[in-house]
Amino acid sequence: MKSIETRMILTPDQDEVRSALERVIGSSSFTRAERLSRFLRFVTERTLEGRGDELKEYLLGVEVFGCGFWRKQCTAGSRTWFT
């Protein structure tokens, strides 16, 4: 009979993930990248909350980049948002 190999998937503690996020956002590559920092923080927090499946283009435009129905358009990077 063959032995069954059991593999454990290690999931980092949420506090460890948040600590790593703060280190990344505080790094020299991110200190002047406010929009990128907001994006990374939002995506990380939603994922930690178990809501990663909610991450859609429109939600990111509204929640992260301040685009939405109250504006005619919003330019976020190379994408123009129309509502």
Protein backbone atom coordinates (compact mmCIF):
# COMPACT_ATOMS: atom_id res chain seq x y z
CA MET A 1 0.00 0.00 0.00
CA LYS A 2 1.33 3.42 -0.96
CA SER A 3 1.75 5.98 1.75
CA ILE A 4 -0.24 9.14 1.31
CA GLU A 5 1.81 12.29 1.55
CA THR A 6 0.04 15.02 3.48
CA ARG A 7 0.92 18.56 2.55
CA MET A 8 0.21 21.49 4.79
CA ILE A 9 -0.51 24.84 3.30
CA LEU A 10 0.91 27.47 5.60
CA THR A 11 -1.16 30.59 5.80
CA PRO A 12 0.55 33.62 7.30
CA ASP A 13 -1.03 35.31 10.29
CA GLN A 14 -3.04 38.43 9.41
CA ASP A 15 -0.83 40.55 11.65
CA GLU A 16 2.24 39.28 9.79
CA VAL A 17 0.64 40.19 6.47
CA ARG A 18 -0.27 43.67 7.70
CA SER A 19 3.24 44.15 9.07
CA ALA A 20 4.71 43.14 5.70
CA LEU A 21 2.26 45.48 3.95
CA GLU A 22 3.43 48.40 6.10
CA ARG A 23 7.07 47.59 5.31
CA VAL A 24 6.34 47.53 1.57
CA ILE A 25 4.31 50.73 1.63
CA GLY A 26 6.98 52.39 3.76
CA SER A 27 9.75 51.41 1.36
CA SER A 28 11.43 53.96 -0.88
CA SER A 29 9.63 52.52 -3.91
CA PHE A 30 6.22 53.30 -2.42
CA THR A 31 6.71 56.46 -0.37
CA ARG A 32 5.77 58.71 -3.28
CA ALA A 33 3.33 56.30 -4.91
CA GLU A 34 0.19 57.23 -2.99
CA ARG A 35 -2.27 55.68 -5.44
CA LEU A 36 -0.31 52.45 -5.70
CA SER A 37 -0.10 52.30 -1.90
CA ARG A 38 -3.88 52.79 -1.60
CA PHE A 39 -4.42 50.04 -4.17
CA LEU A 40 -2.11 47.59 -2.41
CA ARG A 41 -3.62 48.34 1.01
CA PHE A 42 -7.21 47.98 -0.27
CA VAL A 43 -6.55 44.69 -2.08
CA THR A 44 -4.66 43.26 0.89
CA GLU A 45 -7.32 44.24 3.44
CA ARG A 46 -10.20 42.91 1.32
CA THR A 47 -8.35 39.64 0.85
CA LEU A 48 -7.63 39.31 4.58
CA GLU A 49 -11.33 39.94 5.27
CA GLY A 50 -12.18 37.03 2.98
CA ARG A 51 -13.70 39.38 0.42
CA GLY A 52 -11.13 39.00 -2.35
CA ASP A 53 -13.80 37.71 -4.70
CA GLU A 54 -15.41 41.17 -4.58
CA LEU A 55 -12.38 42.82 -6.17
CA LYS A 56 -13.66 44.10 -9.49
CA GLU A 57 -12.52 46.91 -11.75
CA TYR A 58 -15.42 49.22 -10.91
CA LEU A 59 -15.05 48.70 -7.15
CA LEU A 60 -11.34 49.53 -7.35
CA GLY A 61 -12.12 52.63 -9.39
CA VAL A 62 -14.65 53.85 -6.84
CA GLU A 63 -13.00 52.81 -3.58
CA VAL A 64 -9.32 53.24 -4.41
CA PHE A 65 -9.11 55.86 -7.13
CA GLY A 66 -12.14 57.99 -6.19
CA CYS A 67 -14.06 57.43 -9.41
CA GLY A 68 -17.75 56.85 -9.48
CA PHE A 69 -21.18 57.95 -10.52
CA TRP A 70 -20.70 61.43 -9.05
CA ARG A 71 -17.95 62.18 -11.61
CA LYS A 72 -18.33 62.18 -15.34
CA GLN A 73 -14.99 60.47 -15.75
CA CYS A 74 -11.89 59.64 -13.79
CA THR A 75 -8.43 58.96 -15.12
CA ALA A 76 -6.58 56.31 -13.14
CA GLY A 77 -3.28 55.44 -14.78
CA SER A 78 -3.85 54.67 -18.41
CA ARG A 79 -7.51 53.78 -17.93
CA THR A 80 -10.26 56.38 -18.29
CA TRP A 81 -13.30 55.58 -16.19
CA PHE A 82 -16.69 56.57 -17.52
CA THR A 83 -19.79 56.34 -15.41
